[in-house]
Amino acid sequence: MRENGNVDSDRETLLDERAAARFLGICPRKLWGLANKGVVPFIRIGVKSKRYSQKDLEDFIAASRQRSPEPAGTQQDDVV
């Protein structure tokens, strides 16, 4: 605990499978598949339970973000 009585804010927020899936906007089954393929990192708790770091999920979202390609013929040449 810190001096002001609050729990240390450096502590990682862990989400269960349903909460993590809701955070990502996907169904739990899709999250389960992504985790088992190693695409989304998780923390194993016991034999069956998994927890997902909110920071890891945010990083996954950032890494998955794609820009839409420029339509053909609209790309500008690099100006030197």
PDB file of N, CA and C in Angstrom:
ATOM      1  N   MET A   1       0.827  -1.186   0.000  1.00  0.00           N
ATOM      2  CA  MET A   1       0.000   0.000   0.000  1.00  0.00           C
ATOM      3  C   MET A   1       0.872   1.252   0.000  1.00  0.00           C
ATOM      4  N   ARG A   2       0.345   2.258  -0.558  1.00  0.00           N
ATOM      5  CA  ARG A   2       1.054   3.527  -0.583  1.00  0.00           C
ATOM      6  C   ARG A   2       0.698   4.333   0.658  1.00  0.00           C
ATOM      7  N   GLU A   3       1.363   5.455   0.821  1.00  0.00           N
ATOM      8  CA  GLU A   3       1.148   6.299   1.985  1.00  0.00           C
ATOM      9  C   GLU A   3      -0.296   6.758   2.103  1.00  0.00           C
ATOM     10  N   ASN A   4      -0.961   7.020   0.992  1.00  0.00           N
ATOM     11  CA  ASN A   4      -2.333   7.527   1.039  1.00  0.00           C
ATOM     12  C   ASN A   4      -3.362   6.416   1.231  1.00  0.00           C
ATOM     13  N   GLY A   5      -2.901   5.168   1.385  1.00  0.00           N
ATOM     14  CA  GLY A   5      -3.809   4.065   1.650  1.00  0.00           C
ATOM     15  C   GLY A   5      -4.327   3.365   0.409  1.00  0.00           C
ATOM     16  N   ASN A   6      -3.977   3.848  -0.777  1.00  0.00           N
ATOM     17  CA  ASN A   6      -4.428   3.200  -2.012  1.00  0.00           C
ATOM     18  C   ASN A   6      -3.497   2.057  -2.374  1.00  0.00           C
ATOM     19  N   VAL A   7      -4.056   1.036  -2.997  1.00  0.00           N
ATOM     20  CA  VAL A   7      -3.254  -0.073  -3.475  1.00  0.00           C
ATOM     21  C   VAL A   7      -2.339   0.432  -4.572  1.00  0.00           C
ATOM     22  N   ASP A   8      -1.151  -0.108  -4.639  1.00  0.00           N
ATOM     23  CA  ASP A   8      -0.155   0.309  -5.621  1.00  0.00           C
ATOM     24  C   ASP A   8      -0.742   0.275  -7.029  1.00  0.00           C
ATOM     25  N   SER A   9      -0.693   1.388  -7.740  1.00  0.00           N
ATOM     26  CA  SER A   9      -1.282   1.475  -9.080  1.00  0.00           C
ATOM     27  C   SER A   9      -0.437   0.761 -10.129  1.00  0.00           C
ATOM     28  N   ASP A  10       0.780   0.325  -9.763  1.00  0.00           N
ATOM     29  CA  ASP A  10       1.616  -0.415 -10.698  1.00  0.00           C
ATOM     30  C   ASP A  10       1.152  -1.854 -10.852  1.00  0.00           C
ATOM     31  N   ARG A  11       0.234  -2.260 -10.035  1.00  0.00           N
ATOM     32  CA  ARG A  11      -0.268  -3.627 -10.071  1.00  0.00           C
ATOM     33  C   ARG A  11      -1.044  -3.870 -11.363  1.00  0.00           C
ATOM     34  N   GLU A  12      -0.812  -5.017 -11.968  1.00  0.00           N
ATOM     35  CA  GLU A  12      -1.422  -5.350 -13.247  1.00  0.00           C
ATOM     36  C   GLU A  12      -2.880  -5.765 -13.066  1.00  0.00           C
ATOM     37  N   THR A  13      -3.746  -5.302 -13.962  1.00  0.00           N
ATOM     38  CA  THR A  13      -5.142  -5.711 -13.940  1.00  0.00           C
ATOM     39  C   THR A  13      -5.280  -6.993 -14.747  1.00  0.00           C
ATOM     40  N   LEU A  14      -5.802  -8.043 -14.109  1.00  0.00           N
ATOM     41  CA  LEU A  14      -6.009  -9.327 -14.785  1.00  0.00           C
ATOM     42  C   LEU A  14      -7.498  -9.546 -14.990  1.00  0.00           C
ATOM     43  N   LEU A  15      -7.851 -10.007 -16.186  1.00  0.00           N
ATOM     44  CA  LEU A  15      -9.245 -10.258 -16.541  1.00  0.00           C
ATOM     45  C   LEU A  15      -9.457 -11.736 -16.776  1.00  0.00           C
ATOM     46  N   ASP A  16     -10.637 -12.231 -16.373  1.00  0.00           N
ATOM     47  CA  ASP A  16     -10.951 -13.619 -16.704  1.00  0.00           C
ATOM     48  C   ASP A  16     -11.334 -13.686 -18.176  1.00  0.00           C
ATOM     49  N   GLU A  17     -11.608 -14.897 -18.662  1.00  0.00           N
ATOM     50  CA  GLU A  17     -11.835 -15.089 -20.098  1.00  0.00           C
ATOM     51  C   GLU A  17     -13.025 -14.286 -20.623  1.00  0.00           C
ATOM     52  N   ARG A  18     -14.105 -14.273 -19.882  1.00  0.00           N
ATOM     53  CA  ARG A  18     -15.286 -13.530 -20.354  1.00  0.00           C
ATOM     54  C   ARG A  18     -15.034 -12.030 -20.387  1.00  0.00           C
ATOM     55  N   ALA A  19     -14.402 -11.512 -19.345  1.00  0.00           N
ATOM     56  CA  ALA A  19     -14.124 -10.077 -19.290  1.00  0.00           C
ATOM     57  C   ALA A  19     -13.120  -9.681 -20.375  1.00  0.00           C
ATOM     58  N   ALA A  20     -12.117 -10.522 -20.605  1.00  0.00           N
ATOM     59  CA  ALA A  20     -11.124 -10.236 -21.643  1.00  0.00           C
ATOM     60  C   ALA A  20     -11.777 -10.258 -23.020  1.00  0.00           C
ATOM     61  N   ALA A  21     -12.642 -11.226 -23.258  1.00  0.00           N
ATOM     62  CA  ALA A  21     -13.344 -11.305 -24.547  1.00  0.00           C
ATOM     63  C   ALA A  21     -14.220 -10.068 -24.740  1.00  0.00           C
ATOM     64  N   ARG A  22     -14.911  -9.660 -23.696  1.00  0.00           N
ATOM     65  CA  ARG A  22     -15.750  -8.461 -23.762  1.00  0.00           C
ATOM     66  C   ARG A  22     -14.883  -7.232 -24.056  1.00  0.00           C
ATOM     67  N   PHE A  23     -13.715  -7.153 -23.414  1.00  0.00           N
ATOM     68  CA  PHE A  23     -12.784  -6.045 -23.622  1.00  0.00           C
ATOM     69  C   PHE A  23     -12.360  -5.957 -25.094  1.00  0.00           C
ATOM     70  N   LEU A  24     -12.127  -7.127 -25.713  1.00  0.00           N
ATOM     71  CA  LEU A  24     -11.715  -7.170 -27.113  1.00  0.00           C
ATOM     72  C   LEU A  24     -12.891  -7.087 -28.091  1.00  0.00           C
ATOM     73  N   GLY A  25     -14.097  -7.287 -27.586  1.00  0.00           N
ATOM     74  CA  GLY A  25     -15.268  -7.248 -28.456  1.00  0.00           C
ATOM     75  C   GLY A  25     -15.441  -8.512 -29.284  1.00  0.00           C
ATOM     76  N   ILE A  26     -14.992  -9.641 -28.727  1.00  0.00           N
ATOM     77  CA  ILE A  26     -15.124 -10.927 -29.405  1.00  0.00           C
ATOM     78  C   ILE A  26     -15.761 -11.922 -28.444  1.00  0.00           C
ATOM     79  N   CYS A  27     -16.167 -13.069 -28.957  1.00  0.00           N
ATOM     80  CA  CYS A  27     -16.760 -14.085 -28.101  1.00  0.00           C
ATOM     81  C   CYS A  27     -15.643 -14.847 -27.364  1.00  0.00           C
ATOM     82  N   PRO A  28     -15.958 -15.409 -26.194  1.00  0.00           N
ATOM     83  CA  PRO A  28     -14.948 -16.154 -25.432  1.00  0.00           C
ATOM     84  C   PRO A  28     -14.321 -17.301 -26.216  1.00  0.00           C
ATOM     85  N   ARG A  29     -15.083 -17.944 -27.075  1.00  0.00           N
ATOM     86  CA  ARG A  29     -14.539 -19.048 -27.868  1.00  0.00           C
ATOM     87  C   ARG A  29     -13.442 -18.551 -28.821  1.00  0.00           C
ATOM     88  N   LYS A  30     -13.646 -17.397 -29.431  1.00  0.00           N
ATOM     89  CA  LYS A  30     -12.639 -16.815 -30.321  1.00  0.00           C
ATOM     90  C   LYS A  30     -11.375 -16.459 -29.532  1.00  0.00           C
ATOM     91  N   LEU A  31     -11.549 -15.897 -28.343  1.00  0.00           N
ATOM     92  CA  LEU A  31     -10.408 -15.572 -27.493  1.00  0.00           C
ATOM     93  C   LEU A  31      -9.661 -16.843 -27.112  1.00  0.00           C
ATOM     94  N   TRP A  32     -10.392 -17.889 -26.762  1.00  0.00           N
ATOM     95  CA  TRP A  32      -9.786 -19.168 -26.400  1.00  0.00           C
ATOM     96  C   TRP A  32      -8.907 -19.672 -27.544  1.00  0.00           C
ATOM     97  N   GLY A  33      -9.408 -19.582 -28.771  1.00  0.00           N
ATOM     98  CA  GLY A  33      -8.646 -20.017 -29.938  1.00  0.00           C
ATOM     99  C   GLY A  33      -7.397 -19.179 -30.158  1.00  0.00           C
ATOM    100  N   LEU A  34      -7.530 -17.862 -30.034  1.00  0.00           N
ATOM    101  CA  LEU A  34      -6.384 -16.977 -30.209  1.00  0.00           C
ATOM    102  C   LEU A  34      -5.315 -17.232 -29.141  1.00  0.00           C
ATOM    103  N   ALA A  35      -5.756 -17.478 -27.911  1.00  0.00           N
ATOM    104  CA  ALA A  35      -4.815 -17.754 -26.820  1.00  0.00           C
ATOM    105  C   ALA A  35      -4.102 -19.082 -27.050  1.00  0.00           C
ATOM    106  N   ASN A  36      -4.833 -20.091 -27.467  1.00  0.00           N
ATOM    107  CA  ASN A  36      -4.224 -21.411 -27.692  1.00  0.00           C
ATOM    108  C   ASN A  36      -3.270 -21.418 -28.879  1.00  0.00           C
ATOM    109  N   LYS A  37      -3.458 -20.493 -29.825  1.00  0.00           N
ATOM    110  CA  LYS A  37      -2.531 -20.368 -30.958  1.00  0.00           C
ATOM    111  C   LYS A  37      -1.320 -19.517 -30.593  1.00  0.00           C
ATOM    112  N   GLY A  38      -1.340 -18.892 -29.419  1.00  0.00           N
ATOM    113  CA  GLY A  38      -0.230 -18.043 -28.990  1.00  0.00           C
ATOM    114  C   GLY A  38      -0.317 -16.625 -29.505  1.00  0.00           C
ATOM    115  N   VAL A  39      -1.465 -16.250 -30.054  1.00  0.00           N
ATOM    116  CA  VAL A  39      -1.635 -14.915 -30.604  1.00  0.00           C
ATOM    117  C   VAL A  39      -1.894 -13.898 -29.488  1.00  0.00           C
ATOM    118  N   VAL A  40      -2.680 -14.294 -28.501  1.00  0.00           N
ATOM    119  CA  VAL A  40      -2.982 -13.445 -27.353  1.00  0.00           C
ATOM    120  C   VAL A  40      -2.332 -14.070 -26.125  1.00  0.00           C
ATOM    121  N   PRO A  41      -1.454 -13.331 -25.435  1.00  0.00           N
ATOM    122  CA  PRO A  41      -0.795 -13.891 -24.257  1.00  0.00           C
ATOM    123  C   PRO A  41      -1.759 -14.038 -23.078  1.00  0.00           C
ATOM    124  N   PHE A  42      -1.493 -15.020 -22.237  1.00  0.00           N
ATOM    125  CA  PHE A  42      -2.321 -15.238 -21.052  1.00  0.00           C
ATOM    126  C   PHE A  42      -1.456 -15.750 -19.916  1.00  0.00           C
ATOM    127  N   ILE A  43      -2.041 -15.734 -18.736  1.00  0.00           N
ATOM    128  CA  ILE A  43      -1.386 -16.239 -17.535  1.00  0.00           C
ATOM    129  C   ILE A  43      -2.203 -17.430 -17.060  1.00  0.00           C
ATOM    130  N   ARG A  44      -1.547 -18.547 -16.881  1.00  0.00           N
ATOM    131  CA  ARG A  44      -2.236 -19.761 -16.443  1.00  0.00           C
ATOM    132  C   ARG A  44      -2.391 -19.704 -14.924  1.00  0.00           C
ATOM    133  N   ILE A  45      -3.617 -19.882 -14.450  1.00  0.00           N
ATOM    134  CA  ILE A  45      -3.918 -19.957 -13.021  1.00  0.00           C
ATOM    135  C   ILE A  45      -4.481 -21.344 -12.776  1.00  0.00           C
ATOM    136  N   GLY A  46      -3.723 -22.190 -12.137  1.00  0.00           N
ATOM    137  CA  GLY A  46      -4.172 -23.562 -11.920  1.00  0.00           C
ATOM    138  C   GLY A  46      -4.128 -24.349 -13.213  1.00  0.00           C
ATOM    139  N   VAL A  47      -4.955 -25.390 -13.282  1.00  0.00           N
ATOM    140  CA  VAL A  47      -4.944 -26.283 -14.437  1.00  0.00           C
ATOM    141  C   VAL A  47      -5.767 -25.730 -15.594  1.00  0.00           C
ATOM    142  N   LYS A  48      -6.939 -25.176 -15.304  1.00  0.00           N
ATOM    143  CA  LYS A  48      -7.856 -24.772 -16.370  1.00  0.00           C
ATOM    144  C   LYS A  48      -7.997 -23.267 -16.549  1.00  0.00           C
ATOM    145  N   SER A  49      -7.812 -22.516 -15.506  1.00  0.00           N
ATOM    146  CA  SER A  49      -8.107 -21.083 -15.564  1.00  0.00           C
ATOM    147  C   SER A  49      -7.003 -20.280 -16.239  1.00  0.00           C
ATOM    148  N   LYS A  50      -7.419 -19.298 -17.009  1.00  0.00           N
ATOM    149  CA  LYS A  50      -6.510 -18.369 -17.655  1.00  0.00           C
ATOM    150  C   LYS A  50      -6.914 -16.962 -17.240  1.00  0.00           C
ATOM    151  N   ARG A  51      -5.938 -16.101 -17.131  1.00  0.00           N
ATOM    152  CA  ARG A  51      -6.192 -14.687 -16.900  1.00  0.00           C
ATOM    153  C   ARG A  51      -5.427 -13.915 -17.962  1.00  0.00           C
ATOM    154  N   TYR A  52      -5.971 -12.783 -18.304  1.00  0.00           N
ATOM    155  CA  TYR A  52      -5.406 -11.957 -19.365  1.00  0.00           C
ATOM    156  C   TYR A  52      -5.075 -10.589 -18.799  1.00  0.00           C
ATOM    157  N   SER A  53      -3.857 -10.145 -19.034  1.00  0.00           N
ATOM    158  CA  SER A  53      -3.427  -8.826 -18.597  1.00  0.00           C
ATOM    159  C   SER A  53      -4.084  -7.778 -19.486  1.00  0.00           C
ATOM    160  N   GLN A  54      -4.678  -6.779 -18.864  1.00  0.00           N
ATOM    161  CA  GLN A  54      -5.305  -5.720 -19.647  1.00  0.00           C
ATOM    162  C   GLN A  54      -4.262  -5.015 -20.504  1.00  0.00           C
ATOM    163  N   LYS A  55      -3.067  -4.851 -19.998  1.00  0.00           N
ATOM    164  CA  LYS A  55      -1.973  -4.231 -20.764  1.00  0.00           C
ATOM    165  C   LYS A  55      -1.639  -5.075 -21.991  1.00  0.00           C
ATOM    166  N   ASP A  56      -1.564  -6.409 -21.821  1.00  0.00           N
ATOM    167  CA  ASP A  56      -1.300  -7.298 -22.963  1.00  0.00           C
ATOM    168  C   ASP A  56      -2.408  -7.191 -24.007  1.00  0.00           C
ATOM    169  N   LEU A  57      -3.649  -7.081 -23.551  1.00  0.00           N
ATOM    170  CA  LEU A  57      -4.770  -6.966 -24.487  1.00  0.00           C
ATOM    171  C   LEU A  57      -4.705  -5.639 -25.240  1.00  0.00           C
ATOM    172  N   GLU A  58      -4.341  -4.573 -24.538  1.00  0.00           N
ATOM    173  CA  GLU A  58      -4.192  -3.280 -25.196  1.00  0.00           C
ATOM    174  C   GLU A  58      -3.061  -3.332 -26.223  1.00  0.00           C
ATOM    175  N   ASP A  59      -1.960  -4.005 -25.876  1.00  0.00           N
ATOM    176  CA  ASP A  59      -0.845  -4.164 -26.818  1.00  0.00           C
ATOM    177  C   ASP A  59      -1.273  -4.988 -28.032  1.00  0.00           C
ATOM    178  N   PHE A  60      -2.077  -6.033 -27.797  1.00  0.00           N
ATOM    179  CA  PHE A  60      -2.591  -6.866 -28.892  1.00  0.00           C
ATOM    180  C   PHE A  60      -3.444  -6.019 -29.846  1.00  0.00           C
ATOM    181  N   ILE A  61      -4.287  -5.175 -29.277  1.00  0.00           N
ATOM    182  CA  ILE A  61      -5.131  -4.300 -30.102  1.00  0.00           C
ATOM    183  C   ILE A  61      -4.256  -3.364 -30.924  1.00  0.00           C
ATOM    184  N   ALA A  62      -3.270  -2.755 -30.286  1.00  0.00           N
ATOM    185  CA  ALA A  62      -2.385  -1.817 -30.994  1.00  0.00           C
ATOM    186  C   ALA A  62      -1.624  -2.521 -32.117  1.00  0.00           C
ATOM    187  N   ALA A  63      -1.145  -3.724 -31.855  1.00  0.00           N
ATOM    188  CA  ALA A  63      -0.394  -4.475 -32.865  1.00  0.00           C
ATOM    189  C   ALA A  63      -1.298  -4.945 -34.002  1.00  0.00           C
ATOM    190  N   SER A  64      -2.571  -5.140 -33.715  1.00  0.00           N
ATOM    191  CA  SER A  64      -3.516  -5.629 -34.726  1.00  0.00           C
ATOM    192  C   SER A  64      -4.109  -4.512 -35.567  1.00  0.00           C
ATOM    193  N   ARG A  65      -3.908  -3.292 -35.128  1.00  0.00           N
ATOM    194  CA  ARG A  65      -4.492  -2.150 -35.826  1.00  0.00           C
ATOM    195  C   ARG A  65      -3.920  -2.057 -37.231  1.00  0.00           C
ATOM    196  N   GLN A  66      -4.786  -1.901 -38.203  1.00  0.00           N
ATOM    197  CA  GLN A  66      -4.354  -1.811 -39.591  1.00  0.00           C
ATOM    198  C   GLN A  66      -4.887  -0.525 -40.190  1.00  0.00           C
ATOM    199  N   ARG A  67      -4.083   0.040 -41.029  1.00  0.00           N
ATOM    200  CA  ARG A  67      -4.540   1.208 -41.781  1.00  0.00           C
ATOM    201  C   ARG A  67      -5.116   0.715 -43.092  1.00  0.00           C
ATOM    202  N   SER A  68      -6.167   1.360 -43.530  1.00  0.00           N
ATOM    203  CA  SER A  68      -6.718   0.962 -44.821  1.00  0.00           C
ATOM    204  C   SER A  68      -5.783   1.463 -45.911  1.00  0.00           C
ATOM    205  N   PRO A  69      -5.571   0.645 -46.921  1.00  0.00           N
ATOM    206  CA  PRO A  69      -4.660   1.056 -48.002  1.00  0.00           C
ATOM    207  C   PRO A  69      -5.250   2.215 -48.783  1.00  0.00           C
ATOM    208  N   GLU A  70      -4.362   3.013 -49.333  1.00  0.00           N
ATOM    209  CA  GLU A  70      -4.790   4.123 -50.192  1.00  0.00           C
ATOM    210  C   GLU A  70      -5.413   3.547 -51.462  1.00  0.00           C
ATOM    211  N   PRO A  71      -6.507   4.096 -51.917  1.00  0.00           N
ATOM    212  CA  PRO A  71      -7.076   3.630 -53.185  1.00  0.00           C
ATOM    213  C   PRO A  71      -6.058   3.801 -54.312  1.00  0.00           C
ATOM    214  N   ALA A  72      -6.107   2.930 -55.298  1.00  0.00           N
ATOM    215  CA  ALA A  72      -5.161   2.964 -56.426  1.00  0.00           C
ATOM    216  C   ALA A  72      -5.199   4.323 -57.100  1.00  0.00           C
ATOM    217  N   GLY A  73      -4.017   4.831 -57.399  1.00  0.00           N
ATOM    218  CA  GLY A  73      -3.915   6.091 -58.110  1.00  0.00           C
ATOM    219  C   GLY A  73      -3.944   7.324 -57.222  1.00  0.00           C
ATOM    220  N   THR A  74      -4.104   7.153 -55.899  1.00  0.00           N
ATOM    221  CA  THR A  74      -4.160   8.321 -55.022  1.00  0.00           C
ATOM    222  C   THR A  74      -2.908   8.476 -54.177  1.00  0.00           C
ATOM    223  N   GLN A  75      -1.965   7.561 -54.307  1.00  0.00           N
ATOM    224  CA  GLN A  75      -0.731   7.663 -53.533  1.00  0.00           C
ATOM    225  C   GLN A  75       0.106   8.793 -54.077  1.00  0.00           C
ATOM    226  N   GLN A  76       0.655   9.592 -53.173  1.00  0.00           N
ATOM    227  CA  GLN A  76       1.508  10.701 -53.586  1.00  0.00           C
ATOM    228  C   GLN A  76       2.945  10.225 -53.598  1.00  0.00           C
ATOM    229  N   ASP A  77       3.702  10.678 -54.579  1.00  0.00           N
ATOM    230  CA  ASP A  77       5.120  10.366 -54.630  1.00  0.00           C
ATOM    231  C   ASP A  77       5.818  11.084 -53.488  1.00  0.00           C
ATOM    232  N   ASP A  78       6.837  10.444 -52.939  1.00  0.00           N
ATOM    233  CA  ASP A  78       7.609  11.076 -51.880  1.00  0.00           C
ATOM    234  C   ASP A  78       8.276  12.319 -52.408  1.00  0.00           C
ATOM    235  N   VAL A  79       8.136  13.403 -51.690  1.00  0.00           N
ATOM    236  CA  VAL A  79       8.765  14.650 -52.071  1.00  0.00           C
ATOM    237  C   VAL A  79      10.046  14.771 -51.292  1.00  0.00           C
ATOM    238  N   VAL A  80      11.152  15.017 -51.997  1.00  0.00           N
ATOM    239  CA  VAL A  80      12.452  15.104 -51.343  1.00  0.00           C
ATOM    240  C   VAL A  80      12.793  16.526 -51.053  1.00  0.00           C
TER     241      VAL A  80
END
